[in-house]
Amino acid sequence: MNQIPMTAAGAEALREELTHLKQVKRPEIIEAIAEAREHGDLKENAEYHAAREQQGFCEGRIQEIEGKLGNAQIIDVTKIPNSGKVIFGVTVGLLNIDTDEEVSYQIVGDDEADIKNNRISVNSPIARGLIGKTVDSEVEITTPAGVVEYEIISVDHK
């Protein structure tokens, strides 16, 4: 199977979710199913069917997380010396050459991406255009709005 790149923080968040699902959510659902069974006829018991549906979603998510963690290539960028080169896990400071607007993005795995928190997927057009470049490089990124020119002003290993 293919290795899935993931930051150490992203892997920890998935482990916490997995623990919550197994130790809290799963027992709650089992209890709800048992309680619904006590109400009698299962064919017309909406509570029972809802609890069974919840159980299916929970078990599916548990399997999905276990699969991702099993195939994860966890990269802790804080342990890699900063060479000024853009790599997976770093936070990149960019200057939009046309608008003089500064922005920073952390390059993370697909599951960790959250544009509202400036975390972009390693597979996004911006990240693909930045990987391997160094501080003070000018980069042209093709976005849905057109080509945008950026200058890399910082690369932080946090």
N, C-alpha and C. Protein backbone atom coordinates (compact mmCIF):
# COMPACT_ATOMS: atom_id res chain seq x y z
N MET A 1 0.83 -1.19 0.00
CA MET A 1 0.00 0.00 0.00
C MET A 1 0.87 1.24 0.00
N ASN A 2 0.29 2.32 -0.45
CA ASN A 2 1.01 3.60 -0.48
C ASN A 2 1.09 4.21 0.91
N GLN A 3 2.23 4.79 1.19
CA GLN A 3 2.41 5.52 2.44
C GLN A 3 1.69 6.86 2.33
N ILE A 4 1.02 7.26 3.39
CA ILE A 4 0.32 8.53 3.44
C ILE A 4 1.12 9.48 4.31
N PRO A 5 1.64 10.60 3.75
CA PRO A 5 2.40 11.52 4.60
C PRO A 5 1.48 12.20 5.60
N MET A 6 1.98 12.35 6.83
CA MET A 6 1.17 12.93 7.89
C MET A 6 2.11 13.59 8.90
N THR A 7 1.72 14.74 9.41
CA THR A 7 2.53 15.38 10.45
C THR A 7 2.32 14.64 11.76
N ALA A 8 3.24 14.83 12.69
CA ALA A 8 3.11 14.19 14.00
C ALA A 8 1.84 14.66 14.71
N ALA A 9 1.50 15.95 14.57
CA ALA A 9 0.28 16.48 15.20
C ALA A 9 -0.97 15.87 14.57
N GLY A 10 -0.96 15.67 13.26
CA GLY A 10 -2.09 15.06 12.57
C GLY A 10 -2.31 13.62 13.00
N ALA A 11 -1.21 12.88 13.16
CA ALA A 11 -1.31 11.49 13.60
C ALA A 11 -1.85 11.42 15.03
N GLU A 12 -1.40 12.34 15.88
CA GLU A 12 -1.87 12.37 17.26
C GLU A 12 -3.37 12.69 17.31
N ALA A 13 -3.83 13.61 16.48
CA ALA A 13 -5.26 13.95 16.44
C ALA A 13 -6.09 12.74 16.02
N LEU A 14 -5.60 11.97 15.03
CA LEU A 14 -6.32 10.76 14.61
C LEU A 14 -6.34 9.72 15.73
N ARG A 15 -5.22 9.57 16.45
CA ARG A 15 -5.18 8.61 17.56
C ARG A 15 -6.18 8.99 18.65
N GLU A 16 -6.28 10.30 18.94
CA GLU A 16 -7.23 10.76 19.95
C GLU A 16 -8.67 10.49 19.51
N GLU A 17 -8.97 10.74 18.22
CA GLU A 17 -10.31 10.46 17.71
C GLU A 17 -10.61 8.97 17.80
N LEU A 18 -9.64 8.12 17.45
CA LEU A 18 -9.82 6.68 17.50
C LEU A 18 -10.10 6.22 18.94
N THR A 19 -9.34 6.74 19.89
CA THR A 19 -9.55 6.39 21.30
C THR A 19 -10.95 6.81 21.75
N HIS A 20 -11.38 8.00 21.37
CA HIS A 20 -12.72 8.48 21.74
C HIS A 20 -13.80 7.57 21.14
N LEU A 21 -13.64 7.22 19.88
CA LEU A 21 -14.64 6.36 19.23
C LEU A 21 -14.73 5.00 19.90
N LYS A 22 -13.57 4.42 20.23
CA LYS A 22 -13.56 3.08 20.81
C LYS A 22 -13.99 3.06 22.28
N GLN A 23 -13.57 4.07 23.05
CA GLN A 23 -13.81 4.03 24.49
C GLN A 23 -15.06 4.77 24.94
N VAL A 24 -15.55 5.71 24.14
CA VAL A 24 -16.72 6.49 24.55
C VAL A 24 -17.91 6.23 23.63
N LYS A 25 -17.71 6.47 22.34
CA LYS A 25 -18.83 6.41 21.40
C LYS A 25 -19.37 4.99 21.23
N ARG A 26 -18.47 4.03 21.03
CA ARG A 26 -18.90 2.64 20.82
C ARG A 26 -19.73 2.12 21.99
N PRO A 27 -19.30 2.28 23.26
CA PRO A 27 -20.13 1.82 24.38
C PRO A 27 -21.48 2.55 24.46
N GLU A 28 -21.50 3.84 24.13
CA GLU A 28 -22.78 4.58 24.13
C GLU A 28 -23.75 3.98 23.12
N ILE A 29 -23.25 3.66 21.94
CA ILE A 29 -24.10 3.09 20.89
C ILE A 29 -24.61 1.71 21.30
N ILE A 30 -23.73 0.89 21.86
CA ILE A 30 -24.13 -0.45 22.31
C ILE A 30 -25.23 -0.35 23.36
N GLU A 31 -25.07 0.61 24.27
CA GLU A 31 -26.09 0.82 25.30
C GLU A 31 -27.42 1.27 24.68
N ALA A 32 -27.36 2.15 23.67
CA ALA A 32 -28.57 2.62 23.00
C ALA A 32 -29.28 1.48 22.27
N ILE A 33 -28.51 0.59 21.65
CA ILE A 33 -29.09 -0.57 20.95
C ILE A 33 -29.77 -1.49 21.97
N ALA A 34 -29.12 -1.76 23.09
CA ALA A 34 -29.69 -2.63 24.12
C ALA A 34 -30.99 -2.03 24.67
N GLU A 35 -30.98 -0.73 24.90
CA GLU A 35 -32.17 -0.07 25.42
C GLU A 35 -33.32 -0.12 24.40
N ALA A 36 -32.99 0.09 23.14
CA ALA A 36 -34.02 0.06 22.08
C ALA A 36 -34.59 -1.35 21.92
N ARG A 37 -33.77 -2.38 22.11
CA ARG A 37 -34.25 -3.77 21.99
C ARG A 37 -35.29 -4.09 23.05
N GLU A 38 -35.12 -3.47 24.20
CA GLU A 38 -36.06 -3.72 25.30
C GLU A 38 -37.46 -3.21 25.00
N HIS A 39 -37.57 -2.31 24.03
CA HIS A 39 -38.88 -1.74 23.69
C HIS A 39 -39.73 -2.68 22.84
N GLY A 40 -39.17 -3.81 22.47
CA GLY A 40 -39.99 -4.81 21.77
C GLY A 40 -39.72 -4.89 20.27
N ASP A 41 -40.79 -4.96 19.48
CA ASP A 41 -40.78 -5.18 18.04
C ASP A 41 -39.71 -4.34 17.33
N LEU A 42 -38.70 -5.01 16.76
CA LEU A 42 -37.57 -4.32 16.14
C LEU A 42 -37.90 -3.79 14.74
N LYS A 43 -38.91 -4.35 14.07
CA LYS A 43 -39.26 -3.92 12.72
C LYS A 43 -39.72 -2.46 12.69
N GLU A 44 -40.45 -2.05 13.69
CA GLU A 44 -41.00 -0.69 13.70
C GLU A 44 -40.38 0.16 14.79
N ASN A 45 -39.19 -0.19 15.22
CA ASN A 45 -38.52 0.51 16.31
C ASN A 45 -37.49 1.49 15.71
N ALA A 46 -37.88 2.77 15.61
CA ALA A 46 -37.03 3.78 15.00
C ALA A 46 -35.74 4.00 15.80
N GLU A 47 -35.83 3.94 17.13
CA GLU A 47 -34.65 4.13 17.97
C GLU A 47 -33.61 3.05 17.69
N TYR A 48 -34.08 1.82 17.53
CA TYR A 48 -33.18 0.71 17.26
C TYR A 48 -32.47 0.91 15.91
N HIS A 49 -33.25 1.26 14.88
CA HIS A 49 -32.66 1.45 13.55
C HIS A 49 -31.68 2.63 13.52
N ALA A 50 -32.01 3.69 14.24
CA ALA A 50 -31.10 4.85 14.31
C ALA A 50 -29.80 4.47 15.01
N ALA A 51 -29.90 3.71 16.10
CA ALA A 51 -28.70 3.29 16.83
C ALA A 51 -27.85 2.35 15.98
N ARG A 52 -28.48 1.46 15.23
CA ARG A 52 -27.73 0.55 14.35
C ARG A 52 -27.02 1.34 13.23
N GLU A 53 -27.68 2.37 12.73
CA GLU A 53 -27.08 3.20 11.69
C GLU A 53 -25.87 3.95 12.27
N GLN A 54 -26.02 4.49 13.47
CA GLN A 54 -24.91 5.15 14.15
C GLN A 54 -23.75 4.19 14.36
N GLN A 55 -24.07 2.95 14.71
CA GLN A 55 -23.04 1.94 14.92
C GLN A 55 -22.26 1.70 13.62
N GLY A 56 -22.97 1.65 12.52
CA GLY A 56 -22.31 1.45 11.22
C GLY A 56 -21.36 2.58 10.89
N PHE A 57 -21.80 3.83 11.12
CA PHE A 57 -20.93 4.98 10.86
C PHE A 57 -19.70 4.95 11.77
N CYS A 58 -19.90 4.65 13.03
CA CYS A 58 -18.81 4.61 14.01
C CYS A 58 -17.78 3.54 13.64
N GLU A 59 -18.26 2.34 13.34
CA GLU A 59 -17.33 1.25 12.99
C GLU A 59 -16.59 1.56 11.69
N GLY A 60 -17.28 2.18 10.74
CA GLY A 60 -16.64 2.57 9.48
C GLY A 60 -15.53 3.58 9.71
N ARG A 61 -15.79 4.56 10.56
CA ARG A 61 -14.79 5.58 10.86
C ARG A 61 -13.60 4.97 11.61
N ILE A 62 -13.86 4.04 12.51
CA ILE A 62 -12.77 3.35 13.22
C ILE A 62 -11.87 2.62 12.23
N GLN A 63 -12.48 1.90 11.30
CA GLN A 63 -11.69 1.18 10.29
C GLN A 63 -10.89 2.15 9.41
N GLU A 64 -11.52 3.27 9.04
CA GLU A 64 -10.85 4.27 8.19
C GLU A 64 -9.63 4.84 8.91
N ILE A 65 -9.79 5.22 10.18
CA ILE A 65 -8.67 5.79 10.94
C ILE A 65 -7.56 4.76 11.13
N GLU A 66 -7.93 3.52 11.48
CA GLU A 66 -6.92 2.48 11.65
C GLU A 66 -6.14 2.25 10.36
N GLY A 67 -6.83 2.28 9.23
CA GLY A 67 -6.17 2.13 7.93
C GLY A 67 -5.21 3.26 7.64
N LYS A 68 -5.64 4.49 7.92
CA LYS A 68 -4.77 5.65 7.68
C LYS A 68 -3.55 5.62 8.57
N LEU A 69 -3.75 5.31 9.84
CA LEU A 69 -2.61 5.25 10.76
C LEU A 69 -1.67 4.10 10.40
N GLY A 70 -2.23 3.00 9.90
CA GLY A 70 -1.41 1.86 9.49
C GLY A 70 -0.54 2.16 8.29
N ASN A 71 -1.01 3.05 7.42
CA ASN A 71 -0.26 3.41 6.22
C ASN A 71 0.45 4.76 6.34
N ALA A 72 0.41 5.35 7.52
CA ALA A 72 0.97 6.70 7.70
C ALA A 72 2.48 6.70 7.71
N GLN A 73 3.02 7.69 7.04
CA GLN A 73 4.45 7.97 7.12
C GLN A 73 4.52 9.28 7.92
N ILE A 74 4.77 9.15 9.21
CA ILE A 74 4.72 10.31 10.10
C ILE A 74 6.03 11.07 9.99
N ILE A 75 5.90 12.35 9.63
CA ILE A 75 7.06 13.20 9.43
C ILE A 75 7.02 14.31 10.47
N ASP A 76 8.02 14.32 11.36
CA ASP A 76 8.12 15.36 12.37
C ASP A 76 9.16 16.36 11.89
N VAL A 77 8.67 17.45 11.31
CA VAL A 77 9.53 18.44 10.68
C VAL A 77 10.43 19.16 11.68
N THR A 78 10.06 19.14 12.98
CA THR A 78 10.89 19.81 13.98
C THR A 78 12.22 19.08 14.18
N LYS A 79 12.30 17.83 13.76
CA LYS A 79 13.54 17.05 13.91
C LYS A 79 14.42 17.11 12.67
N ILE A 80 13.97 17.84 11.64
CA ILE A 80 14.73 17.96 10.39
C ILE A 80 15.40 19.33 10.39
N PRO A 81 16.71 19.38 10.12
CA PRO A 81 17.40 20.68 10.10
C PRO A 81 16.80 21.60 9.03
N ASN A 82 16.68 22.89 9.38
CA ASN A 82 16.10 23.87 8.45
C ASN A 82 17.15 24.28 7.43
N SER A 83 16.93 23.90 6.18
CA SER A 83 17.85 24.23 5.10
C SER A 83 17.32 25.40 4.27
N GLY A 84 16.15 25.92 4.64
CA GLY A 84 15.55 26.99 3.86
C GLY A 84 14.76 26.48 2.68
N LYS A 85 14.70 25.16 2.54
CA LYS A 85 13.98 24.54 1.43
C LYS A 85 12.58 24.15 1.89
N VAL A 86 11.59 24.33 1.00
CA VAL A 86 10.21 23.98 1.32
C VAL A 86 10.04 22.47 1.21
N ILE A 87 9.65 21.84 2.34
CA ILE A 87 9.39 20.41 2.38
C ILE A 87 8.08 20.18 3.12
N PHE A 88 7.61 18.94 3.12
CA PHE A 88 6.38 18.58 3.82
C PHE A 88 6.48 18.96 5.29
N GLY A 89 5.44 19.59 5.82
CA GLY A 89 5.35 19.90 7.23
C GLY A 89 5.80 21.30 7.62
N VAL A 90 6.52 22.00 6.74
CA VAL A 90 6.99 23.33 7.09
C VAL A 90 5.88 24.37 6.95
N THR A 91 6.10 25.51 7.59
CA THR A 91 5.21 26.66 7.41
C THR A 91 5.96 27.65 6.51
N VAL A 92 5.32 27.99 5.39
CA VAL A 92 5.95 28.83 4.37
C VAL A 92 5.33 30.22 4.41
N GLY A 93 6.18 31.23 4.53
CA GLY A 93 5.71 32.62 4.44
C GLY A 93 5.84 33.08 3.00
N LEU A 94 4.76 33.61 2.45
CA LEU A 94 4.75 34.03 1.05
C LEU A 94 4.36 35.49 0.92
N LEU A 95 4.92 36.15 -0.06
CA LEU A 95 4.56 37.52 -0.40
C LEU A 95 3.99 37.51 -1.81
N ASN A 96 2.74 37.94 -1.95
CA ASN A 96 2.12 38.05 -3.27
C ASN A 96 2.77 39.25 -3.95
N ILE A 97 3.48 39.02 -5.04
CA ILE A 97 4.25 40.07 -5.70
C ILE A 97 3.34 41.17 -6.25
N ASP A 98 2.16 40.81 -6.74
CA ASP A 98 1.26 41.81 -7.33
C ASP A 98 0.59 42.69 -6.28
N THR A 99 0.18 42.11 -5.15
CA THR A 99 -0.61 42.86 -4.16
C THR A 99 0.17 43.22 -2.89
N ASP A 100 1.40 42.75 -2.76
CA ASP A 100 2.21 42.94 -1.54
C ASP A 100 1.54 42.37 -0.30
N GLU A 101 0.64 41.41 -0.49
CA GLU A 101 -0.04 40.76 0.62
C GLU A 101 0.79 39.57 1.09
N GLU A 102 0.96 39.47 2.44
CA GLU A 102 1.72 38.35 3.00
C GLU A 102 0.75 37.31 3.53
N VAL A 103 1.11 36.05 3.33
CA VAL A 103 0.30 34.94 3.83
C VAL A 103 1.26 33.81 4.18
N SER A 104 0.84 32.95 5.13
CA SER A 104 1.67 31.78 5.44
C SER A 104 0.80 30.54 5.43
N TYR A 105 1.37 29.44 4.97
CA TYR A 105 0.68 28.16 4.90
C TYR A 105 1.57 27.08 5.47
N GLN A 106 0.95 26.15 6.20
CA GLN A 106 1.67 24.94 6.61
C GLN A 106 1.29 23.85 5.62
N ILE A 107 2.27 23.13 5.13
CA ILE A 107 2.03 22.06 4.16
C ILE A 107 1.85 20.76 4.93
N VAL A 108 0.64 20.18 4.84
CA VAL A 108 0.28 19.01 5.63
C VAL A 108 -0.32 17.92 4.73
N GLY A 109 -0.67 16.79 5.34
CA GLY A 109 -1.31 15.70 4.61
C GLY A 109 -2.74 16.03 4.24
N ASP A 110 -3.32 15.24 3.35
CA ASP A 110 -4.68 15.50 2.86
C ASP A 110 -5.71 15.58 3.98
N ASP A 111 -5.61 14.70 4.99
CA ASP A 111 -6.60 14.66 6.07
C ASP A 111 -6.48 15.85 7.02
N GLU A 112 -5.32 16.47 7.05
CA GLU A 112 -5.08 17.56 7.98
C GLU A 112 -5.38 18.93 7.38
N ALA A 113 -5.55 18.99 6.07
CA ALA A 113 -5.73 20.26 5.38
C ALA A 113 -6.95 21.01 5.92
N ASP A 114 -6.75 22.31 6.16
CA ASP A 114 -7.82 23.18 6.67
C ASP A 114 -7.46 24.60 6.26
N ILE A 115 -8.00 25.06 5.15
CA ILE A 115 -7.62 26.36 4.60
C ILE A 115 -7.94 27.50 5.56
N LYS A 116 -8.98 27.34 6.39
CA LYS A 116 -9.32 28.40 7.36
C LYS A 116 -8.21 28.61 8.37
N ASN A 117 -7.43 27.57 8.63
CA ASN A 117 -6.30 27.65 9.56
C ASN A 117 -4.96 27.69 8.82
N ASN A 118 -5.01 28.01 7.52
CA ASN A 118 -3.81 28.11 6.67
C ASN A 118 -2.99 26.83 6.63
N ARG A 119 -3.68 25.70 6.59
CA ARG A 119 -3.03 24.39 6.46
C ARG A 119 -3.47 23.82 5.11
N ILE A 120 -2.53 23.70 4.18
CA ILE A 120 -2.87 23.23 2.84
C ILE A 120 -2.30 21.84 2.58
N SER A 121 -3.02 21.09 1.77
CA SER A 121 -2.61 19.73 1.43
C SER A 121 -1.34 19.74 0.59
N VAL A 122 -0.50 18.77 0.83
CA VAL A 122 0.73 18.61 0.05
C VAL A 122 0.40 18.39 -1.44
N ASN A 123 -0.83 17.94 -1.72
CA ASN A 123 -1.24 17.70 -3.10
C ASN A 123 -1.94 18.89 -3.74
N SER A 124 -2.07 20.00 -3.03
CA SER A 124 -2.72 21.19 -3.59
C SER A 124 -1.78 21.86 -4.60
N PRO A 125 -2.35 22.62 -5.54
CA PRO A 125 -1.51 23.30 -6.53
C PRO A 125 -0.46 24.23 -5.90
N ILE A 126 -0.84 24.93 -4.85
CA ILE A 126 0.12 25.84 -4.21
C ILE A 126 1.28 25.05 -3.61
N ALA A 127 0.97 24.01 -2.84
CA ALA A 127 2.03 23.21 -2.21
C ALA A 127 2.92 22.54 -3.25
N ARG A 128 2.32 21.99 -4.30
CA ARG A 128 3.13 21.34 -5.34
C ARG A 128 4.08 22.35 -6.00
N GLY A 129 3.62 23.59 -6.15
CA GLY A 129 4.47 24.62 -6.74
C GLY A 129 5.58 25.08 -5.82
N LEU A 130 5.40 24.90 -4.51
CA LEU A 130 6.38 25.38 -3.54
C LEU A 130 7.41 24.34 -3.13
N ILE A 131 7.02 23.06 -3.13
CA ILE A 131 7.92 21.99 -2.68
C ILE A 131 9.24 22.04 -3.45
N GLY A 132 10.33 22.02 -2.69
CA GLY A 132 11.66 22.00 -3.29
C GLY A 132 12.25 23.38 -3.53
N LYS A 133 11.44 24.43 -3.43
CA LYS A 133 11.94 25.79 -3.63
C LYS A 133 12.57 26.29 -2.33
N THR A 134 13.34 27.38 -2.42
CA THR A 134 14.04 27.91 -1.25
C THR A 134 13.61 29.35 -0.96
N VAL A 135 14.02 29.85 0.21
CA VAL A 135 13.74 31.22 0.60
C VAL A 135 14.30 32.17 -0.46
N ASP A 136 13.57 33.25 -0.72
CA ASP A 136 13.89 34.29 -1.71
C ASP A 136 13.62 33.86 -3.15
N SER A 137 13.08 32.65 -3.35
CA SER A 137 12.71 32.22 -4.71
C SER A 137 11.38 32.86 -5.09
N GLU A 138 11.22 33.14 -6.38
CA GLU A 138 9.93 33.60 -6.89
C GLU A 138 9.28 32.42 -7.59
N VAL A 139 7.99 32.24 -7.31
CA VAL A 139 7.28 31.06 -7.79
C VAL A 139 5.98 31.51 -8.44
N GLU A 140 5.67 30.94 -9.61
CA GLU A 140 4.39 31.18 -10.26
C GLU A 140 3.48 29.99 -9.98
N ILE A 141 2.32 30.26 -9.38
CA ILE A 141 1.37 29.21 -9.03
C ILE A 141 0.12 29.41 -9.88
N THR A 142 -0.31 28.35 -10.55
CA THR A 142 -1.54 28.41 -11.33
C THR A 142 -2.70 28.06 -10.41
N THR A 143 -3.59 29.01 -10.22
CA THR A 143 -4.76 28.83 -9.36
C THR A 143 -6.01 28.95 -10.23
N PRO A 144 -7.18 28.60 -9.68
CA PRO A 144 -8.41 28.77 -10.46
C PRO A 144 -8.63 30.22 -10.91
N ALA A 145 -8.09 31.19 -10.14
CA ALA A 145 -8.26 32.59 -10.49
C ALA A 145 -7.20 33.07 -11.48
N GLY A 146 -6.28 32.19 -11.86
CA GLY A 146 -5.21 32.56 -12.79
C GLY A 146 -3.85 32.34 -12.16
N VAL A 147 -2.82 32.82 -12.82
CA VAL A 147 -1.45 32.64 -12.33
C VAL A 147 -1.14 33.72 -11.29
N VAL A 148 -0.62 33.29 -10.14
CA VAL A 148 -0.25 34.21 -9.07
C VAL A 148 1.24 34.04 -8.81
N GLU A 149 1.94 35.18 -8.70
CA GLU A 149 3.38 35.14 -8.42
C GLU A 149 3.62 35.41 -6.94
N TYR A 150 4.40 34.53 -6.32
CA TYR A 150 4.75 34.66 -4.91
C TYR A 150 6.26 34.69 -4.77
N GLU A 151 6.71 35.35 -3.70
CA GLU A 151 8.11 35.25 -3.29
C GLU A 151 8.10 34.54 -1.95
N ILE A 152 8.96 33.54 -1.80
CA ILE A 152 9.05 32.80 -0.53
C ILE A 152 9.89 33.64 0.42
N ILE A 153 9.28 34.12 1.51
CA ILE A 153 10.01 34.99 2.43
C ILE A 153 10.49 34.28 3.69
N SER A 154 9.87 33.10 4.01
CA SER A 154 10.35 32.35 5.17
C SER A 154 9.93 30.88 5.07
N VAL A 155 10.72 30.03 5.70
CA VAL A 155 10.42 28.60 5.83
C VAL A 155 10.69 28.22 7.27
N ASP A 156 9.61 27.92 8.02
CA ASP A 156 9.74 27.60 9.43
C ASP A 156 9.45 26.14 9.71
N HIS A 157 10.30 25.53 10.51
CA HIS A 157 10.11 24.14 10.93
C HIS A 157 9.49 24.15 12.33
N LYS A 158 8.14 24.35 12.39
CA LYS A 158 7.50 24.36 13.71
C LYS A 158 6.55 23.22 13.84
